[in-house]
C-alpha atoms as a PDB file:
ATOM      1  CA  UNK A   1      10.065 -57.737  16.586  1.00  0.00           C
ATOM      2  CA  UNK A   2      12.261 -55.334  18.404  1.00  0.00           C
ATOM      3  CA  UNK A   3      11.240 -51.874  19.494  1.00  0.00           C
ATOM      4  CA  UNK A   4      12.238 -49.199  16.976  1.00  0.00           C
ATOM      5  CA  UNK A   5      15.399 -47.184  17.791  1.00  0.00           C
ATOM      6  CA  UNK A   6      14.976 -43.453  17.672  1.00  0.00           C
ATOM      7  CA  UNK A   7      17.748 -41.587  15.527  1.00  0.00           C
ATOM      8  CA  UNK A   8      18.149 -38.008  16.273  1.00  0.00           C
ATOM      9  CA  UNK A   9      19.429 -35.311  13.905  1.00  0.00           C
ATOM     10  CA  UNK A  10      21.889 -33.736  16.333  1.00  0.00           C
ATOM     11  CA  UNK A  11      23.693 -36.965  16.657  1.00  0.00           C
ATOM     12  CA  UNK A  12      24.790 -36.541  13.067  1.00  0.00           C
ATOM     13  CA  UNK A  13      25.034 -32.585  12.438  1.00  0.00           C
ATOM     14  CA  UNK A  14      27.063 -29.934  14.062  1.00  0.00           C
ATOM     15  CA  UNK A  15      25.258 -26.903  15.268  1.00  0.00           C
ATOM     16  CA  UNK A  16      26.349 -24.989  12.172  1.00  0.00           C
ATOM     17  CA  UNK A  17      25.235 -27.732   9.675  1.00  0.00           C
ATOM     18  CA  UNK A  18      21.952 -27.966   7.981  1.00  0.00           C
ATOM     19  CA  UNK A  19      22.053 -31.537   6.605  1.00  0.00           C
ATOM     20  CA  UNK A  20      23.985 -34.840   6.439  1.00  0.00           C
ATOM     21  CA  UNK A  21      24.739 -36.588   3.386  1.00  0.00           C
ATOM     22  CA  UNK A  22      26.132 -40.147   2.709  1.00  0.00           C
ATOM     23  CA  UNK A  23      26.722 -42.602   0.019  1.00  0.00           C
ATOM     24  CA  UNK A  24      26.707 -45.999   1.364  1.00  0.00           C
ATOM     25  CA  UNK A  25      26.045 -49.746   0.769  1.00  0.00           C
ATOM     26  CA  UNK A  26      23.363 -51.479   2.778  1.00  0.00           C
ATOM     27  CA  UNK A  27      23.876 -54.598   4.673  1.00  0.00           C
ATOM     28  CA  UNK A  28      23.256 -57.932   2.861  1.00  0.00           C
ATOM     29  CA  UNK A  29      24.077 -60.221   5.751  1.00  0.00           C
ATOM     30  CA  UNK A  30      21.134 -58.956   8.065  1.00  0.00           C
ATOM     31  CA  UNK A  31      18.340 -56.089   8.130  1.00  0.00           C
ATOM     32  CA  UNK A  32      19.422 -52.731   9.553  1.00  0.00           C
ATOM     33  CA  UNK A  33      17.938 -51.766  12.956  1.00  0.00           C
ATOM     34  CA  UNK A  34      14.329 -50.873  12.698  1.00  0.00           C
ATOM     35  CA  UNK A  35      14.297 -47.132  13.522  1.00  0.00           C
ATOM     36  CA  UNK A  36      12.386 -43.972  13.193  1.00  0.00           C
ATOM     37  CA  UNK A  37      13.722 -40.416  13.617  1.00  0.00           C
ATOM     38  CA  UNK A  38      13.146 -36.679  14.335  1.00  0.00           C
ATOM     39  CA  UNK A  39      14.264 -35.481  10.951  1.00  0.00           C
ATOM     40  CA  UNK A  40      13.359 -35.701   7.413  1.00  0.00           C
ATOM     41  CA  UNK A  41      15.292 -38.158   5.058  1.00  0.00           C
ATOM     42  CA  UNK A  42      15.408 -38.537   1.343  1.00  0.00           C
ATOM     43  CA  UNK A  43      16.964 -41.617  -0.181  1.00  0.00           C
ATOM     44  CA  UNK A  44      17.742 -42.674  -3.518  1.00  0.00           C
ATOM     45  CA  UNK A  45      18.594 -46.248  -4.674  1.00  0.00           C
ATOM     46  CA  UNK A  46      21.563 -45.651  -6.666  1.00  0.00           C
ATOM     47  CA  UNK A  47      22.301 -49.151  -7.770  1.00  0.00           C
ATOM     48  CA  UNK A  48      21.101 -52.905  -6.739  1.00  0.00           C
ATOM     49  CA  UNK A  49      17.987 -53.992  -4.859  1.00  0.00           C
ATOM     50  CA  UNK A  50      16.824 -53.744  -1.326  1.00  0.00           C
ATOM     51  CA  UNK A  51      13.794 -54.919   0.719  1.00  0.00           C
ATOM     52  CA  UNK A  52      12.384 -52.040   2.666  1.00  0.00           C
ATOM     53  CA  UNK A  53      10.374 -52.499   5.735  1.00  0.00           C
ATOM     54  CA  UNK A  54       8.133 -49.311   6.264  1.00  0.00           C
ATOM     55  CA  UNK A  55       5.376 -48.655   8.764  1.00  0.00           C
ATOM     56  CA  UNK A  56       4.590 -52.426   8.926  1.00  0.00           C
ATOM     57  CA  UNK A  57       4.628 -53.365   5.268  1.00  0.00           C
ATOM     58  CA  UNK A  58       7.469 -54.499   2.907  1.00  0.00           C
ATOM     59  CA  UNK A  59       8.284 -52.942  -0.440  1.00  0.00           C
ATOM     60  CA  UNK A  60      10.987 -54.049  -2.878  1.00  0.00           C
ATOM     61  CA  UNK A  61      12.904 -51.153  -3.950  1.00  0.00           C
ATOM     62  CA  UNK A  62      15.603 -50.976  -6.994  1.00  0.00           C
ATOM     63  CA  UNK A  63      17.881 -48.577  -8.756  1.00  0.00           C
ATOM     64  CA  UNK A  64      16.099 -45.237  -9.420  1.00  0.00           C
ATOM     65  CA  UNK A  65      13.574 -45.360  -6.546  1.00  0.00           C
ATOM     66  CA  UNK A  66      13.480 -42.324  -4.567  1.00  0.00           C
ATOM     67  CA  UNK A  67      11.782 -42.167  -1.072  1.00  0.00           C
ATOM     68  CA  UNK A  68      10.692 -39.144   0.790  1.00  0.00           C
ATOM     69  CA  UNK A  69      10.669 -40.342   4.635  1.00  0.00           C
ATOM     70  CA  UNK A  70       8.968 -38.251   7.252  1.00  0.00           C
ATOM     71  CA  UNK A  71       9.847 -37.872  10.876  1.00  0.00           C
ATOM     72  CA  UNK A  72       7.936 -40.794  12.658  1.00  0.00           C
ATOM     73  CA  UNK A  73       8.002 -43.306   9.693  1.00  0.00           C
ATOM     74  CA  UNK A  74       9.476 -46.459  10.973  1.00  0.00           C
ATOM     75  CA  UNK A  75      11.709 -48.377   8.548  1.00  0.00           C
ATOM     76  CA  UNK A  76      14.773 -50.564   7.959  1.00  0.00           C
ATOM     77  CA  UNK A  77      16.608 -52.220   5.047  1.00  0.00           C
ATOM     78  CA  UNK A  78      18.001 -55.429   3.953  1.00  0.00           C
ATOM     79  CA  UNK A  79      19.939 -55.304   0.491  1.00  0.00           C
ATOM     80  CA  UNK A  80      19.806 -57.996  -2.022  1.00  0.00           C
ATOM     81  CA  UNK A  81      22.172 -60.738  -1.329  1.00  0.00           C
ATOM     82  CA  UNK A  82      23.205 -61.194  -4.945  1.00  0.00           C
ATOM     83  CA  UNK A  83      23.483 -57.600  -6.228  1.00  0.00           C
ATOM     84  CA  UNK A  84      23.664 -55.655  -3.100  1.00  0.00           C
ATOM     85  CA  UNK A  85      22.273 -52.115  -2.742  1.00  0.00           C
ATOM     86  CA  UNK A  86      23.899 -48.746  -2.541  1.00  0.00           C
ATOM     87  CA  UNK A  87      21.828 -45.562  -1.558  1.00  0.00           C
ATOM     88  CA  UNK A  88      22.250 -41.803  -1.441  1.00  0.00           C
ATOM     89  CA  UNK A  89      20.862 -40.717   1.766  1.00  0.00           C
ATOM     90  CA  UNK A  90      20.205 -37.118   2.621  1.00  0.00           C
ATOM     91  CA  UNK A  91      18.968 -36.066   6.289  1.00  0.00           C
ATOM     92  CA  UNK A  92      17.683 -32.632   7.160  1.00  0.00           C
ATOM     93  CA  UNK A  93      16.044 -30.720   9.972  1.00  0.00           C
ATOM     94  CA  UNK A  94      12.433 -30.344  10.452  1.00  0.00           C
ATOM     95  CA  UNK A  95      12.832 -26.445  10.252  1.00  0.00           C
ATOM     96  CA  UNK A  96      14.100 -26.615   6.599  1.00  0.00           C
ATOM     97  CA  UNK A  97      10.831 -28.638   5.728  1.00  0.00           C
ATOM     98  CA  UNK A  98       8.645 -26.350   7.515  1.00  0.00           C
ATOM     99  CA  UNK A  99      10.143 -23.281   5.666  1.00  0.00           C
ATOM    100  CA  UNK A 100       9.729 -24.975   2.377  1.00  0.00           C
ATOM    101  CA  UNK A 101       6.132 -25.934   2.939  1.00  0.00           C
ATOM    102  CA  UNK A 102       5.169 -22.374   4.469  1.00  0.00           C
ATOM    103  CA  UNK A 103       6.875 -20.831   1.245  1.00  0.00           C
ATOM    104  CA  UNK A 104       5.626 -23.304  -1.510  1.00  0.00           C
ATOM    105  CA  UNK A 105       2.584 -24.844   0.051  1.00  0.00           C
ATOM    106  CA  UNK A 106       0.442 -24.317  -2.887  1.00  0.00           C
ATOM    107  CA  UNK A 107       2.772 -26.564  -4.843  1.00  0.00           C
ATOM    108  CA  UNK A 108       3.961 -29.018  -2.095  1.00  0.00           C
ATOM    109  CA  UNK A 109       1.176 -29.619   0.315  1.00  0.00           C
ATOM    110  CA  UNK A 110       0.153 -33.229   0.363  1.00  0.00           C
ATOM    111  CA  UNK A 111       3.052 -34.176  -1.942  1.00  0.00           C
ATOM    112  CA  UNK A 112       6.581 -35.539  -1.278  1.00  0.00           C
ATOM    113  CA  UNK A 113       7.786 -35.242   2.342  1.00  0.00           C
ATOM    114  CA  UNK A 114       4.219 -33.857   3.049  1.00  0.00           C
ATOM    115  CA  UNK A 115       2.013 -36.815   2.124  1.00  0.00           C
ATOM    116  CA  UNK A 116      -0.640 -37.914   4.419  1.00  0.00           C
ATOM    117  CA  UNK A 117      -0.551 -41.549   3.384  1.00  0.00           C
ATOM    118  CA  UNK A 118       0.307 -44.577   5.554  1.00  0.00           C
ATOM    119  CA  UNK A 119       3.630 -44.686   3.959  1.00  0.00           C
ATOM    120  CA  UNK A 120       6.194 -42.243   2.552  1.00  0.00           C
ATOM    121  CA  UNK A 121       5.935 -41.453  -1.100  1.00  0.00           C
ATOM    122  CA  UNK A 122       8.382 -43.467  -3.263  1.00  0.00           C
ATOM    123  CA  UNK A 123       8.825 -42.393  -7.031  1.00  0.00           C
ATOM    124  CA  UNK A 124      10.557 -44.119  -9.731  1.00  0.00           C
ATOM    125  CA  UNK A 125      13.285 -42.216 -11.657  1.00  0.00           C
ATOM    126  CA  UNK A 126      14.633 -43.237 -15.083  1.00  0.00           C
ATOM    127  CA  UNK A 127      16.760 -42.122 -17.846  1.00  0.00           C
ATOM    128  CA  UNK A 128      17.860 -38.372 -17.750  1.00  0.00           C
ATOM    129  CA  UNK A 129      15.593 -37.809 -14.401  1.00  0.00           C
ATOM    130  CA  UNK A 130      17.712 -40.297 -12.636  1.00  0.00           C
ATOM    131  CA  UNK A 131      21.155 -39.047 -14.016  1.00  0.00           C
ATOM    132  CA  UNK A 132      20.218 -35.499 -12.785  1.00  0.00           C
ATOM    133  CA  UNK A 133      19.169 -36.729  -9.294  1.00  0.00           C
ATOM    134  CA  UNK A 134      22.396 -38.658  -8.857  1.00  0.00           C
ATOM    135  CA  UNK A 135      24.402 -35.877 -10.043  1.00  0.00           C
ATOM    136  CA  UNK A 136      22.572 -33.343  -7.741  1.00  0.00           C
ATOM    137  CA  UNK A 137      22.953 -35.709  -4.843  1.00  0.00           C
ATOM    138  CA  UNK A 138      26.661 -36.312  -5.227  1.00  0.00           C
ATOM    139  CA  UNK A 139      27.209 -32.756  -5.313  1.00  0.00           C
ATOM    140  CA  UNK A 140      26.268 -32.637  -1.672  1.00  0.00           C
ATOM    141  CA  UNK A 141      29.518 -34.713  -0.860  1.00  0.00           C
ATOM    142  CA  UNK A 142      31.757 -31.533  -0.971  1.00  0.00           C
ATOM    143  CA  UNK A 143      31.350 -28.018   0.414  1.00  0.00           C
ATOM    144  CA  UNK A 144      29.721 -26.464   3.179  1.00  0.00           C
ATOM    145  CA  UNK A 145      26.636 -28.283   4.612  1.00  0.00           C
ATOM    146  CA  UNK A 146      24.793 -24.936   4.819  1.00  0.00           C
ATOM    147  CA  UNK A 147      20.962 -24.190   4.843  1.00  0.00           C
ATOM    148  CA  UNK A 148      21.324 -22.637   1.501  1.00  0.00           C
ATOM    149  CA  UNK A 149      22.577 -25.774  -0.020  1.00  0.00           C
ATOM    150  CA  UNK A 150      20.111 -28.216   1.258  1.00  0.00           C
ATOM    151  CA  UNK A 151      17.280 -25.919   0.250  1.00  0.00           C
ATOM    152  CA  UNK A 152      18.775 -25.405  -3.176  1.00  0.00           C
ATOM    153  CA  UNK A 153      19.062 -29.349  -3.514  1.00  0.00           C
ATOM    154  CA  UNK A 154      15.449 -30.150  -2.220  1.00  0.00           C
ATOM    155  CA  UNK A 155      13.976 -27.573  -4.639  1.00  0.00           C
ATOM    156  CA  UNK A 156      15.982 -28.995  -7.451  1.00  0.00           C
ATOM    157  CA  UNK A 157      14.774 -32.706  -6.599  1.00  0.00           C
ATOM    158  CA  UNK A 158      11.138 -31.663  -6.262  1.00  0.00           C
ATOM    159  CA  UNK A 159      10.926 -29.419  -9.364  1.00  0.00           C
ATOM    160  CA  UNK A 160      13.699 -29.977 -12.064  1.00  0.00           C
ATOM    161  CA  UNK A 161      14.299 -33.662 -11.420  1.00  0.00           C
ATOM    162  CA  UNK A 162      10.780 -34.562 -10.633  1.00  0.00           C
ATOM    163  CA  UNK A 163       9.542 -32.703 -13.793  1.00  0.00           C
ATOM    164  CA  UNK A 164       5.990 -32.478 -15.000  1.00  0.00           C
ATOM    165  CA  UNK A 165       5.807 -35.936 -16.644  1.00  0.00           C
ATOM    166  CA  UNK A 166       3.395 -37.762 -14.110  1.00  0.00           C
ATOM    167  CA  UNK A 167       5.232 -39.854 -11.635  1.00  0.00           C
ATOM    168  CA  UNK A 168       4.433 -43.505 -11.413  1.00  0.00           C
ATOM    169  CA  UNK A 169       3.382 -44.864  -7.968  1.00  0.00           C
ATOM    170  CA  UNK A 170       4.969 -47.905  -6.804  1.00  0.00           C
ATOM    171  CA  UNK A 171       1.580 -49.528  -6.335  1.00  0.00           C
ATOM    172  CA  UNK A 172       0.899 -49.680  -9.991  1.00  0.00           C
ATOM    173  CA  UNK A 173       0.906 -53.029 -11.564  1.00  0.00           C
ATOM    174  CA  UNK A 174       4.401 -54.354 -13.107  1.00  0.00           C
ATOM    175  CA  UNK A 175       3.187 -54.131 -16.761  1.00  0.00           C
ATOM    176  CA  UNK A 176       2.157 -50.492 -16.340  1.00  0.00           C
ATOM    177  CA  UNK A 177       5.745 -49.729 -14.686  1.00  0.00           C
ATOM    178  CA  UNK A 178       7.430 -51.519 -17.448  1.00  0.00           C
ATOM    179  CA  UNK A 179       5.232 -49.323 -19.977  1.00  0.00           C
ATOM    180  CA  UNK A 180       6.232 -46.178 -18.390  1.00  0.00           C
ATOM    181  CA  UNK A 181       9.726 -47.090 -18.573  1.00  0.00           C
ATOM    182  CA  UNK A 182       9.652 -47.927 -22.326  1.00  0.00           C
ATOM    183  CA  UNK A 183       7.611 -44.811 -22.947  1.00  0.00           C
ATOM    184  CA  UNK A 184      10.873 -42.820 -22.129  1.00  0.00           C
ATOM    185  CA  UNK A 185      12.497 -44.271 -25.305  1.00  0.00           C
ATOM    186  CA  UNK A 186      12.054 -42.145 -28.514  1.00  0.00           C
ATOM    187  CA  UNK A 187      11.210 -45.247 -30.654  1.00  0.00           C
ATOM    188  CA  UNK A 188       8.050 -45.875 -28.317  1.00  0.00           C
ATOM    189  CA  UNK A 189       7.025 -42.165 -27.599  1.00  0.00           C
ATOM    190  CA  UNK A 190       7.227 -41.193 -31.208  1.00  0.00           C
ATOM    191  CA  UNK A 191       4.206 -43.605 -31.712  1.00  0.00           C
ATOM    192  CA  UNK A 192       2.104 -41.791 -29.197  1.00  0.00           C
ATOM    193  CA  UNK A 193      -0.488 -43.769 -27.194  1.00  0.00           C
ATOM    194  CA  UNK A 194      -0.296 -46.431 -29.613  1.00  0.00           C
ATOM    195  CA  UNK A 195       3.300 -47.120 -28.697  1.00  0.00           C
ATOM    196  CA  UNK A 196       2.557 -46.880 -25.087  1.00  0.00           C
ATOM    197  CA  UNK A 197      -0.345 -49.454 -25.462  1.00  0.00           C
ATOM    198  CA  UNK A 198       1.938 -51.907 -27.297  1.00  0.00           C
ATOM    199  CA  UNK A 199       4.432 -51.582 -24.667  1.00  0.00           C
ATOM    200  CA  UNK A 200       1.922 -52.429 -22.012  1.00  0.00           C
ATOM    201  CA  UNK A 201       0.815 -55.655 -23.828  1.00  0.00           C
ATOM    202  CA  UNK A 202      -2.671 -55.345 -22.626  1.00  0.00           C
ATOM    203  CA  UNK A 203      -6.037 -54.531 -24.370  1.00  0.00           C
ATOM    204  CA  UNK A 204      -6.366 -50.853 -25.102  1.00  0.00           C
ATOM    205  CA  UNK A 205      -9.502 -50.296 -22.832  1.00  0.00           C
ATOM    206  CA  UNK A 206      -7.804 -51.938 -19.925  1.00  0.00           C
ATOM    207  CA  UNK A 207      -4.417 -49.941 -20.367  1.00  0.00           C
ATOM    208  CA  UNK A 208      -6.452 -46.553 -20.556  1.00  0.00           C
ATOM    209  CA  UNK A 209      -8.570 -47.621 -17.397  1.00  0.00           C
ATOM    210  CA  UNK A 210      -5.397 -48.438 -15.322  1.00  0.00           C
ATOM    211  CA  UNK A 211      -3.397 -45.544 -16.701  1.00  0.00           C
ATOM    212  CA  UNK A 212      -6.196 -43.080 -15.738  1.00  0.00           C
ATOM    213  CA  UNK A 213      -6.415 -44.927 -12.205  1.00  0.00           C
ATOM    214  CA  UNK A 214      -2.626 -44.914 -11.198  1.00  0.00           C
ATOM    215  CA  UNK A 215      -1.510 -41.867 -13.244  1.00  0.00           C
ATOM    216  CA  UNK A 216      -4.535 -39.676 -13.342  1.00  0.00           C
ATOM    217  CA  UNK A 217      -4.043 -39.167 -17.156  1.00  0.00           C
ATOM    218  CA  UNK A 218      -4.930 -40.860 -20.341  1.00  0.00           C
ATOM    219  CA  UNK A 219      -2.031 -42.706 -22.186  1.00  0.00           C
ATOM    220  CA  UNK A 220      -2.153 -40.075 -24.802  1.00  0.00           C
ATOM    221  CA  UNK A 221      -1.655 -37.264 -22.122  1.00  0.00           C
ATOM    222  CA  UNK A 222       1.305 -39.355 -20.492  1.00  0.00           C
ATOM    223  CA  UNK A 223       2.982 -39.938 -23.686  1.00  0.00           C
ATOM    224  CA  UNK A 224       2.515 -36.300 -24.977  1.00  0.00           C
ATOM    225  CA  UNK A 225       4.128 -34.941 -21.673  1.00  0.00           C
ATOM    226  CA  UNK A 226       7.237 -37.051 -22.448  1.00  0.00           C
ATOM    227  CA  UNK A 227       7.180 -36.044 -26.032  1.00  0.00           C
ATOM    228  CA  UNK A 228       6.879 -32.349 -25.177  1.00  0.00           C
ATOM    229  CA  UNK A 229       9.617 -32.595 -22.584  1.00  0.00           C
ATOM    230  CA  UNK A 230      11.832 -34.068 -25.363  1.00  0.00           C
ATOM    231  CA  UNK A 231      11.065 -31.279 -27.614  1.00  0.00           C
ATOM    232  CA  UNK A 232      11.908 -28.873 -25.174  1.00  0.00           C
ATOM    233  CA  UNK A 233      15.344 -30.406 -24.574  1.00  0.00           C
ATOM    234  CA  UNK A 234      15.979 -30.375 -28.302  1.00  0.00           C
ATOM    235  CA  UNK A 235      15.006 -26.864 -28.642  1.00  0.00           C
ATOM    236  CA  UNK A 236      17.102 -25.602 -25.895  1.00  0.00           C
ATOM    237  CA  UNK A 237      20.234 -27.501 -26.903  1.00  0.00           C
ATOM    238  CA  UNK A 238      20.205 -27.999 -30.562  1.00  0.00           C
ATOM    239  CA  UNK A 239      19.751 -25.796 -33.676  1.00  0.00           C
ATOM    240  CA  UNK A 240      17.446 -28.446 -35.319  1.00  0.00           C
ATOM    241  CA  UNK A 241      14.633 -26.647 -37.159  1.00  0.00           C
ATOM    242  CA  UNK A 242      11.229 -26.751 -35.553  1.00  0.00           C
ATOM    243  CA  UNK A 243       9.617 -29.074 -38.069  1.00  0.00           C
ATOM    244  CA  UNK A 244      12.295 -31.528 -37.516  1.00  0.00           C
ATOM    245  CA  UNK A 245      11.902 -31.443 -33.674  1.00  0.00           C
ATOM    246  CA  UNK A 246       8.381 -31.968 -34.011  1.00  0.00           C
ATOM    247  CA  UNK A 247       8.911 -35.062 -36.191  1.00  0.00           C
ATOM    248  CA  UNK A 248      11.571 -36.217 -34.012  1.00  0.00           C
ATOM    249  CA  UNK A 249       9.017 -36.308 -31.089  1.00  0.00           C
ATOM    250  CA  UNK A 250       6.466 -37.974 -33.278  1.00  0.00           C
ATOM    251  CA  UNK A 251       4.363 -35.034 -34.232  1.00  0.00           C
ATOM    252  CA  UNK A 252       3.144 -34.652 -37.893  1.00  0.00           C
ATOM    253  CA  UNK A 253       0.745 -32.023 -37.267  1.00  0.00           C
ATOM    254  CA  UNK A 254       2.639 -28.535 -36.334  1.00  0.00           C
ATOM    255  CA  UNK A 255      -0.456 -26.894 -35.080  1.00  0.00           C
ATOM    256  CA  UNK A 256      -0.977 -29.709 -32.592  1.00  0.00           C
ATOM    257  CA  UNK A 257       2.475 -29.491 -31.627  1.00  0.00           C
ATOM    258  CA  UNK A 258       2.514 -25.956 -31.035  1.00  0.00           C
ATOM    259  CA  UNK A 259      -0.783 -26.109 -29.008  1.00  0.00           C
ATOM    260  CA  UNK A 260       0.571 -28.860 -26.724  1.00  0.00           C
ATOM    261  CA  UNK A 261       3.792 -27.037 -26.271  1.00  0.00           C
ATOM    262  CA  UNK A 262       1.873 -23.704 -25.431  1.00  0.00           C
ATOM    263  CA  UNK A 263      -0.320 -25.491 -23.075  1.00  0.00           C
ATOM    264  CA  UNK A 264       2.612 -27.091 -21.182  1.00  0.00           C
ATOM    265  CA  UNK A 265       5.152 -24.162 -20.962  1.00  0.00           C
ATOM    266  CA  UNK A 266       2.947 -21.064 -21.666  1.00  0.00           C
ATOM    267  CA  UNK A 267       4.851 -20.039 -24.733  1.00  0.00           C
ATOM    268  CA  UNK A 268       5.726 -21.219 -28.121  1.00  0.00           C
ATOM    269  CA  UNK A 269       8.410 -23.597 -29.289  1.00  0.00           C
ATOM    270  CA  UNK A 270      10.103 -20.541 -30.863  1.00  0.00           C
ATOM    271  CA  UNK A 271      10.048 -18.365 -27.641  1.00  0.00           C
ATOM    272  CA  UNK A 272      11.263 -21.440 -25.696  1.00  0.00           C
ATOM    273  CA  UNK A 273      14.284 -21.718 -27.734  1.00  0.00           C
ATOM    274  CA  UNK A 274      14.966 -17.833 -27.524  1.00  0.00           C
ATOM    275  CA  UNK A 275      14.641 -18.165 -23.979  1.00  0.00           C
ATOM    276  CA  UNK A 276      16.958 -20.980 -23.371  1.00  0.00           C
ATOM    277  CA  UNK A 277      19.558 -20.051 -25.976  1.00  0.00           C
ATOM    278  CA  UNK A 278      19.846 -16.188 -25.028  1.00  0.00           C
ATOM    279  CA  UNK A 279      23.585 -15.347 -25.038  1.00  0.00           C
ATOM    280  CA  UNK A 280      24.692 -11.987 -23.327  1.00  0.00           C
ATOM    281  CA  UNK A 281      27.948 -11.938 -25.132  1.00  0.00           C
ATOM    282  CA  UNK A 282      26.355 -12.370 -28.666  1.00  0.00           C
ATOM    283  CA  UNK A 283      22.539 -12.139 -28.438  1.00  0.00           C
ATOM    284  CA  UNK A 284      20.687 -14.319 -30.672  1.00  0.00           C
ATOM    285  CA  UNK A 285      19.163 -11.315 -32.558  1.00  0.00           C
ATOM    286  CA  UNK A 286      22.629  -9.732 -33.317  1.00  0.00           C
ATOM    287  CA  UNK A 287      23.646  -9.262 -36.834  1.00  0.00           C
ATOM    288  CA  UNK A 288      24.981 -12.203 -38.446  1.00  0.00           C
ATOM    289  CA  UNK A 289      23.574 -14.600 -36.003  1.00  0.00           C
ATOM    290  CA  UNK A 290      22.021 -17.805 -37.472  1.00  0.00           C
ATOM    291  CA  UNK A 291      18.143 -17.200 -37.334  1.00  0.00           C
ATOM    292  CA  UNK A 292      16.073 -19.364 -35.083  1.00  0.00           C
END
C-alpha cells in the first residue's frame, strides 16, 4: 500500500477562514488516496454507502453515519458502486478543537474528537437527529467561514443533535442496531422495553445483556430516554394536554412519567412547556391566554 499523503489545512483555508465545508460525492471507480491530516474533520454520510479504510481496518458506512476524525487518523473512501455515496465534510483547525476542549472538557473529554480509541468515534444518526444534522451542516455552505460559525456548528452537533439518548456504537451487533432504529418509532417505543426486545428478535436476557454491554444502559432506560425526548418535543410544540402526551409516549402512570421527566430535565413537564412556549409579546400567563 502506498504511503499516506499529508493533507494540510492551510491548503484549503485563507488566513481569515476558520473552516472548510464541502458536500461531495465519493469516487465509485477507485478508492480515494490514503491520507492523514493536520486538522480535525467531521463527515456525515448524507446518502448511499461507502467502504471506509481507517487506521488499518475497514468499516462499512451508510446514510446517517457521523465520524469524528482526529489529526493523525489515516483513512480513505471507496463509495458503493451501485448506490454511490455523498458526504457532508467539515474541516477545521486544531486551535478550534483545543479551545472547545479547554472550555467544555468536563463534557467532551474522551468523547467525539477527543476519544483515545484506535479508531475515531462513528455514531449513527436516524430520524429527527439526522435531519437536524443535515440541516445544520448545509447551513455552512453560505456566509462567512468564521470562528463563531464553526464553534456554533460543532457545539450544535455535539449537544443538540447528539442528544441524551445513548449513542449506538458501530461495533454493536446488527440486530441491536436494527432494534435501536426501530425504537425511534412511536408504535415501538410506546410498548417500552417489551417493544424494544420484540424488535430485537432475541431472547430477553440476551437483549438485556448486550444492550448493557454496548449502550451502557438497560432496554428500559434506553427506550425511556426516547420516550421522554418525544414527550419534550410534544410539550414544546403542541397544546396537547399532559395526560395525552404521557399516553402518546406509552406512559399510563403519570407519577412515573413526571419522575422520569424531572430526572432527565430537572423540572416538571408543566415547567418544560412554560419554558419552551414563553412568548415575550403575549406571555403565557397573560389574561385570556389558554391555560397550560
